[in-house]
Amino acid sequence: ATVSGTVNTNVVGFYTLTYSAVDAANNNALSVVRNITVQDSNAPIVTAPDSIIVAATDGTGTAATHAEIGAFLTAATANDLVDGPISTITNDAPTQFPIGDTSVTFTAQDNSGNSGFAQATITVKDLTAPQISLIGLSSMTINVGDEFVDPGSIVTDNVSQNMVATVSGAVNANVVGIYTLTYSAVDGANNNAQSVVRNIRVQDSNAPI
């Protein structure tokens, strides 16, 4: 038989091959047709970005609009054997990433409706140390024998709430000298605040009798 028509296996589509024949007496056979469908059944290959760790903005985590997260969400790529690079890649990222691990799935679809997937993780951690602010002066002076009352301090943190500083050191108001109180704090993620110091001078300002 003589075959007319071609099939391009590199291009999706429908192709027809027609088979015909003629004998020595010029009798033509009834032509026979074969239909071939070249289809794309392979999903595109999606490459997700590397997983990242991001600092928490506050107790609710970090917004998806954060620069580092934004770069992460646009970094996935996809390529298809038939269609080539695919520019439209979607993801299921939330608008707010809570503290902890959140998996993000990236999806790309080729022109034949085949979908490819890849995942990466954003880990939001509390990486910010608390801050200590003294109430009152960092240097105080009292007279020997007077009562010393620590004015205290305020501890602020972007995630942990109601924090109280730990105070080390003591003041003996009955003995002249210079005393140091050191204020320290650590949040729930073990971030240590920079210690703050208050110096107290106990002086003898009373004339002898």
C-alpha atoms as a PDB file:
ATOM      1  CA  ALA A   1       0.000   0.000   0.000  1.00  0.00           C
ATOM      2  CA  THR A   2       0.971   3.564  -0.546  1.00  0.00           C
ATOM      3  CA  VAL A   3       0.727   5.763   2.563  1.00  0.00           C
ATOM      4  CA  SER A   4      -0.045   9.463   2.341  1.00  0.00           C
ATOM      5  CA  GLY A   5       0.098  11.854   5.265  1.00  0.00           C
ATOM      6  CA  THR A   6       2.598  12.333   8.062  1.00  0.00           C
ATOM      7  CA  VAL A   7       2.647  12.317  11.852  1.00  0.00           C
ATOM      8  CA  ASN A   8       4.678  14.859  13.830  1.00  0.00           C
ATOM      9  CA  THR A   9       5.067  13.310  17.245  1.00  0.00           C
ATOM     10  CA  ASN A  10       6.605  16.536  18.548  1.00  0.00           C
ATOM     11  CA  VAL A  11       3.425  18.533  18.022  1.00  0.00           C
ATOM     12  CA  VAL A  12       0.128  17.836  19.767  1.00  0.00           C
ATOM     13  CA  GLY A  13      -2.675  17.323  17.268  1.00  0.00           C
ATOM     14  CA  PHE A  14      -4.722  14.943  15.104  1.00  0.00           C
ATOM     15  CA  TYR A  15      -3.089  13.322  12.098  1.00  0.00           C
ATOM     16  CA  THR A  16      -4.423  11.126   9.292  1.00  0.00           C
ATOM     17  CA  LEU A  17      -2.647   8.465   7.285  1.00  0.00           C
ATOM     18  CA  THR A  18      -4.364   7.215   4.138  1.00  0.00           C
ATOM     19  CA  TYR A  19      -3.498   3.795   2.704  1.00  0.00           C
ATOM     20  CA  SER A  20      -4.145   3.129  -0.968  1.00  0.00           C
ATOM     21  CA  ALA A  21      -3.179   0.432  -3.480  1.00  0.00           C
ATOM     22  CA  VAL A  22      -3.592  -0.402  -7.154  1.00  0.00           C
ATOM     23  CA  ASP A  23      -2.989  -3.779  -8.789  1.00  0.00           C
ATOM     24  CA  ALA A  24      -1.306  -4.567 -12.068  1.00  0.00           C
ATOM     25  CA  ALA A  25      -4.611  -4.188 -13.881  1.00  0.00           C
ATOM     26  CA  ASN A  26      -5.088  -0.710 -12.416  1.00  0.00           C
ATOM     27  CA  ASN A  27      -7.817  -1.809 -10.031  1.00  0.00           C
ATOM     28  CA  ASN A  28      -7.826   0.619  -7.105  1.00  0.00           C
ATOM     29  CA  ALA A  29      -8.351  -0.708  -3.630  1.00  0.00           C
ATOM     30  CA  LEU A  30     -10.755   1.027  -1.338  1.00  0.00           C
ATOM     31  CA  SER A  31      -8.608   3.486   0.630  1.00  0.00           C
ATOM     32  CA  VAL A  32      -8.199   2.892   4.342  1.00  0.00           C
ATOM     33  CA  VAL A  33      -7.646   5.702   6.854  1.00  0.00           C
ATOM     34  CA  ARG A  34      -5.818   5.614  10.179  1.00  0.00           C
ATOM     35  CA  ASN A  35      -6.288   8.525  12.642  1.00  0.00           C
ATOM     36  CA  ILE A  36      -3.466   9.268  15.049  1.00  0.00           C
ATOM     37  CA  THR A  37      -3.813  11.546  18.074  1.00  0.00           C
ATOM     38  CA  VAL A  38      -0.610  12.996  19.487  1.00  0.00           C
ATOM     39  CA  GLN A  39      -1.376  14.117  23.016  1.00  0.00           C
ATOM     40  CA  ASP A  40       0.508  15.664  25.899  1.00  0.00           C
ATOM     41  CA  SER A  41      -0.066  13.465  28.941  1.00  0.00           C
ATOM     42  CA  ASN A  42       2.971  14.645  30.904  1.00  0.00           C
ATOM     43  CA  ALA A  43       2.550  17.185  33.674  1.00  0.00           C
ATOM     44  CA  PRO A  44       4.885  20.183  33.727  1.00  0.00           C
ATOM     45  CA  ILE A  45       7.813  20.010  36.106  1.00  0.00           C
ATOM     46  CA  VAL A  46       7.489  22.613  38.844  1.00  0.00           C
ATOM     47  CA  THR A  47      10.575  23.667  40.800  1.00  0.00           C
ATOM     48  CA  ALA A  48       9.807  25.267  44.154  1.00  0.00           C
ATOM     49  CA  PRO A  49      12.177  27.756  45.809  1.00  0.00           C
ATOM     50  CA  ASP A  50      14.294  26.704  48.781  1.00  0.00           C
ATOM     51  CA  SER A  51      12.476  26.713  52.097  1.00  0.00           C
ATOM     52  CA  ILE A  52      13.126  29.814  54.199  1.00  0.00           C
ATOM     53  CA  ILE A  53      13.052  31.028  57.796  1.00  0.00           C
ATOM     54  CA  VAL A  54      11.486  34.430  58.433  1.00  0.00           C
ATOM     55  CA  ALA A  55      11.384  36.532  61.591  1.00  0.00           C
ATOM     56  CA  ALA A  56       7.959  36.971  63.157  1.00  0.00           C
ATOM     57  CA  THR A  57       6.609  40.503  63.026  1.00  0.00           C
ATOM     58  CA  ASP A  58       4.400  39.967  66.070  1.00  0.00           C
ATOM     59  CA  GLY A  59       2.419  37.255  67.815  1.00  0.00           C
ATOM     60  CA  THR A  60       0.290  36.613  64.729  1.00  0.00           C
ATOM     61  CA  GLY A  61       3.337  35.783  62.600  1.00  0.00           C
ATOM     62  CA  THR A  62       4.359  37.577  59.405  1.00  0.00           C
ATOM     63  CA  ALA A  63       2.270  38.853  56.498  1.00  0.00           C
ATOM     64  CA  ALA A  64       2.667  37.429  53.004  1.00  0.00           C
ATOM     65  CA  THR A  65       3.510  40.971  51.871  1.00  0.00           C
ATOM     66  CA  HIS A  66       6.817  40.783  53.762  1.00  0.00           C
ATOM     67  CA  ALA A  67       9.639  41.314  51.256  1.00  0.00           C
ATOM     68  CA  GLU A  68      11.374  38.000  51.889  1.00  0.00           C
ATOM     69  CA  ILE A  69       8.129  36.043  51.669  1.00  0.00           C
ATOM     70  CA  GLY A  70       7.089  37.942  48.554  1.00  0.00           C
ATOM     71  CA  ALA A  71      10.341  36.979  46.850  1.00  0.00           C
ATOM     72  CA  PHE A  72       9.835  33.361  47.900  1.00  0.00           C
ATOM     73  CA  LEU A  73       6.310  33.224  46.469  1.00  0.00           C
ATOM     74  CA  THR A  74       7.441  34.470  43.052  1.00  0.00           C
ATOM     75  CA  ALA A  75      10.553  32.301  42.797  1.00  0.00           C
ATOM     76  CA  ALA A  76       8.975  29.027  41.605  1.00  0.00           C
ATOM     77  CA  THR A  77       9.555  27.963  37.990  1.00  0.00           C
ATOM     78  CA  ALA A  78       7.813  25.464  35.706  1.00  0.00           C
ATOM     79  CA  ASN A  79       8.743  23.805  32.450  1.00  0.00           C
ATOM     80  CA  ASP A  80       6.755  21.498  30.186  1.00  0.00           C
ATOM     81  CA  LEU A  81       8.130  19.017  27.664  1.00  0.00           C
ATOM     82  CA  VAL A  82       5.695  20.282  25.020  1.00  0.00           C
ATOM     83  CA  ASP A  83       4.869  23.872  25.945  1.00  0.00           C
ATOM     84  CA  GLY A  84       8.269  24.851  27.326  1.00  0.00           C
ATOM     85  CA  PRO A  85       8.543  27.378  30.180  1.00  0.00           C
ATOM     86  CA  ILE A  86       5.247  28.142  31.920  1.00  0.00           C
ATOM     87  CA  SER A  87       4.921  31.659  33.281  1.00  0.00           C
ATOM     88  CA  THR A  88       1.696  31.280  35.236  1.00  0.00           C
ATOM     89  CA  ILE A  89       2.354  29.543  38.544  1.00  0.00           C
ATOM     90  CA  THR A  90      -0.159  29.697  41.370  1.00  0.00           C
ATOM     91  CA  ASN A  91       0.270  28.960  45.063  1.00  0.00           C
ATOM     92  CA  ASP A  92      -1.901  28.411  48.120  1.00  0.00           C
ATOM     93  CA  ALA A  93      -0.042  30.773  50.449  1.00  0.00           C
ATOM     94  CA  PRO A  94      -2.110  32.389  53.228  1.00  0.00           C
ATOM     95  CA  THR A  95      -2.205  36.149  53.657  1.00  0.00           C
ATOM     96  CA  GLN A  96      -0.633  35.741  57.102  1.00  0.00           C
ATOM     97  CA  PHE A  97       1.966  33.132  57.997  1.00  0.00           C
ATOM     98  CA  PRO A  98       1.629  32.087  61.653  1.00  0.00           C
ATOM     99  CA  ILE A  99       4.580  31.264  63.872  1.00  0.00           C
ATOM    100  CA  GLY A 100       5.750  27.768  62.952  1.00  0.00           C
ATOM    101  CA  ASP A 101       5.953  25.855  59.677  1.00  0.00           C
ATOM    102  CA  THR A 102       3.616  26.490  56.734  1.00  0.00           C
ATOM    103  CA  SER A 103       3.874  24.415  53.554  1.00  0.00           C
ATOM    104  CA  VAL A 104       3.188  26.243  50.292  1.00  0.00           C
ATOM    105  CA  THR A 105       2.135  24.302  47.188  1.00  0.00           C
ATOM    106  CA  PHE A 106       3.041  25.737  43.785  1.00  0.00           C
ATOM    107  CA  THR A 107       0.940  24.624  40.799  1.00  0.00           C
ATOM    108  CA  ALA A 108       1.444  25.008  37.050  1.00  0.00           C
ATOM    109  CA  GLN A 109      -0.821  23.782  34.238  1.00  0.00           C
ATOM    110  CA  ASP A 110       0.166  23.182  30.613  1.00  0.00           C
ATOM    111  CA  ASN A 111      -1.969  23.827  27.552  1.00  0.00           C
ATOM    112  CA  SER A 112      -3.276  20.257  27.660  1.00  0.00           C
ATOM    113  CA  GLY A 113      -4.610  20.655  31.198  1.00  0.00           C
ATOM    114  CA  ASN A 114      -1.882  18.622  32.909  1.00  0.00           C
ATOM    115  CA  SER A 115      -0.958  20.040  36.318  1.00  0.00           C
ATOM    116  CA  GLY A 116       2.380  19.808  38.082  1.00  0.00           C
ATOM    117  CA  PHE A 117       3.045  20.526  41.739  1.00  0.00           C
ATOM    118  CA  ALA A 118       5.916  21.297  44.098  1.00  0.00           C
ATOM    119  CA  GLN A 119       6.102  22.293  47.751  1.00  0.00           C
ATOM    120  CA  ALA A 120       8.365  24.362  49.982  1.00  0.00           C
ATOM    121  CA  THR A 121       8.092  25.535  53.577  1.00  0.00           C
ATOM    122  CA  ILE A 122       8.146  28.928  55.248  1.00  0.00           C
ATOM    123  CA  THR A 123       9.132  28.779  58.900  1.00  0.00           C
ATOM    124  CA  VAL A 124       8.221  31.830  60.948  1.00  0.00           C
ATOM    125  CA  LYS A 125      10.242  32.197  64.133  1.00  0.00           C
ATOM    126  CA  ASP A 126      10.446  34.750  66.912  1.00  0.00           C
ATOM    127  CA  LEU A 127      13.968  36.020  66.295  1.00  0.00           C
ATOM    128  CA  THR A 128      13.587  39.421  67.964  1.00  0.00           C
ATOM    129  CA  ALA A 129      14.964  39.981  71.449  1.00  0.00           C
ATOM    130  CA  PRO A 130      12.870  41.824  74.041  1.00  0.00           C
ATOM    131  CA  GLN A 131      13.851  45.313  75.139  1.00  0.00           C
ATOM    132  CA  ILE A 132      14.208  46.585  78.681  1.00  0.00           C
ATOM    133  CA  SER A 133      13.522  50.188  79.650  1.00  0.00           C
ATOM    134  CA  LEU A 134      14.241  51.467  83.139  1.00  0.00           C
ATOM    135  CA  ILE A 135      11.601  53.369  85.022  1.00  0.00           C
ATOM    136  CA  GLY A 136      13.383  56.340  86.514  1.00  0.00           C
ATOM    137  CA  LEU A 137      17.069  57.156  86.317  1.00  0.00           C
ATOM    138  CA  SER A 138      19.874  54.751  85.549  1.00  0.00           C
ATOM    139  CA  SER A 139      21.943  56.404  88.291  1.00  0.00           C
ATOM    140  CA  MET A 140      20.403  57.162  91.690  1.00  0.00           C
ATOM    141  CA  THR A 141      21.702  58.534  94.966  1.00  0.00           C
ATOM    142  CA  ILE A 142      20.219  57.962  98.406  1.00  0.00           C
ATOM    143  CA  ASN A 143      21.331  58.801 101.903  1.00  0.00           C
ATOM    144  CA  VAL A 144      22.631  56.043 104.131  1.00  0.00           C
ATOM    145  CA  GLY A 145      19.820  54.697 106.292  1.00  0.00           C
ATOM    146  CA  ASP A 146      17.114  55.691 103.826  1.00  0.00           C
ATOM    147  CA  GLU A 147      14.874  53.045 102.341  1.00  0.00           C
ATOM    148  CA  PHE A 148      15.660  52.139  98.751  1.00  0.00           C
ATOM    149  CA  VAL A 149      12.735  51.278  96.495  1.00  0.00           C
ATOM    150  CA  ASP A 150      13.547  50.005  93.020  1.00  0.00           C
ATOM    151  CA  PRO A 151      11.530  52.058  90.497  1.00  0.00           C
ATOM    152  CA  GLY A 152      11.386  48.957  88.305  1.00  0.00           C
ATOM    153  CA  SER A 153      11.499  48.470  84.565  1.00  0.00           C
ATOM    154  CA  ILE A 154       9.339  47.795  81.524  1.00  0.00           C
ATOM    155  CA  VAL A 155       9.959  44.854  79.192  1.00  0.00           C
ATOM    156  CA  THR A 156       8.515  44.922  75.663  1.00  0.00           C
ATOM    157  CA  ASP A 157       8.586  42.133  73.090  1.00  0.00           C
ATOM    158  CA  ASN A 158       7.007  41.722  69.677  1.00  0.00           C
ATOM    159  CA  VAL A 159       5.604  38.280  70.525  1.00  0.00           C
ATOM    160  CA  SER A 160       5.702  37.503  74.251  1.00  0.00           C
ATOM    161  CA  GLN A 161       3.392  39.544  76.467  1.00  0.00           C
ATOM    162  CA  ASN A 162       3.412  40.645  80.120  1.00  0.00           C
ATOM    163  CA  MET A 163       7.131  40.091  80.526  1.00  0.00           C
ATOM    164  CA  VAL A 164       8.927  41.044  83.738  1.00  0.00           C
ATOM    165  CA  ALA A 165      12.664  41.597  84.038  1.00  0.00           C
ATOM    166  CA  THR A 166      14.809  39.587  86.396  1.00  0.00           C
ATOM    167  CA  VAL A 167      16.858  41.807  88.707  1.00  0.00           C
ATOM    168  CA  SER A 168      20.209  40.699  90.054  1.00  0.00           C
ATOM    169  CA  GLY A 169      22.164  42.558  92.687  1.00  0.00           C
ATOM    170  CA  ALA A 170      21.151  44.187  95.952  1.00  0.00           C
ATOM    171  CA  VAL A 171      21.391  47.538  97.664  1.00  0.00           C
ATOM    172  CA  ASN A 172      22.377  47.810 101.319  1.00  0.00           C
ATOM    173  CA  ALA A 173      21.049  51.216 102.244  1.00  0.00           C
ATOM    174  CA  ASN A 174      22.808  51.013 105.597  1.00  0.00           C
ATOM    175  CA  VAL A 175      26.306  50.859 104.136  1.00  0.00           C
ATOM    176  CA  VAL A 176      27.871  53.637 102.110  1.00  0.00           C
ATOM    177  CA  GLY A 177      28.923  52.466  98.647  1.00  0.00           C
ATOM    178  CA  ILE A 178      27.976  52.075  95.015  1.00  0.00           C
ATOM    179  CA  TYR A 179      25.614  49.238  94.162  1.00  0.00           C
ATOM    180  CA  THR A 180      24.615  47.823  90.812  1.00  0.00           C
ATOM    181  CA  LEU A 181      21.313  46.297  89.808  1.00  0.00           C
ATOM    182  CA  THR A 182      21.262  44.379  86.536  1.00  0.00           C
ATOM    183  CA  TYR A 183      17.986  43.842  84.696  1.00  0.00           C
ATOM    184  CA  SER A 184      17.678  40.935  82.254  1.00  0.00           C
ATOM    185  CA  ALA A 185      14.868  39.229  80.378  1.00  0.00           C
ATOM    186  CA  VAL A 186      14.333  36.307  77.990  1.00  0.00           C
ATOM    187  CA  ASP A 187      11.226  35.775  75.855  1.00  0.00           C
ATOM    188  CA  GLY A 188       9.342  32.584  75.060  1.00  0.00           C
ATOM    189  CA  ALA A 189      11.641  31.852  72.111  1.00  0.00           C
ATOM    190  CA  ASN A 190      14.751  32.168  74.309  1.00  0.00           C
ATOM    191  CA  ASN A 191      15.786  35.506  72.832  1.00  0.00           C
ATOM    192  CA  ASN A 192      17.780  37.348  75.481  1.00  0.00           C
ATOM    193  CA  ALA A 193      17.321  41.055  75.966  1.00  0.00           C
ATOM    194  CA  GLN A 194      20.358  43.261  76.281  1.00  0.00           C
ATOM    195  CA  SER A 195      20.884  43.689  79.996  1.00  0.00           C
ATOM    196  CA  VAL A 196      20.339  47.130  81.513  1.00  0.00           C
ATOM    197  CA  VAL A 197      22.163  48.421  84.588  1.00  0.00           C
ATOM    198  CA  ARG A 198      21.118  50.852  87.327  1.00  0.00           C
ATOM    199  CA  ASN A 199      23.774  52.237  89.650  1.00  0.00           C
ATOM    200  CA  ILE A 200      22.756  53.306  93.161  1.00  0.00           C
ATOM    201  CA  ARG A 201      25.076  55.398  95.285  1.00  0.00           C
ATOM    202  CA  VAL A 202      24.509  55.220  99.036  1.00  0.00           C
ATOM    203  CA  GLN A 203      26.149  58.260 100.565  1.00  0.00           C
ATOM    204  CA  ASP A 204      26.543  59.753 103.994  1.00  0.00           C
ATOM    205  CA  SER A 205      25.318  63.326 103.747  1.00  0.00           C
ATOM    206  CA  ASN A 206      24.540  63.776 107.428  1.00  0.00           C
ATOM    207  CA  ALA A 207      26.909  65.883 109.564  1.00  0.00           C
ATOM    208  CA  PRO A 208      28.113  64.281 112.778  1.00  0.00           C
ATOM    209  CA  ILE A 209      26.304  65.293 115.946  1.00  0.00           C
END
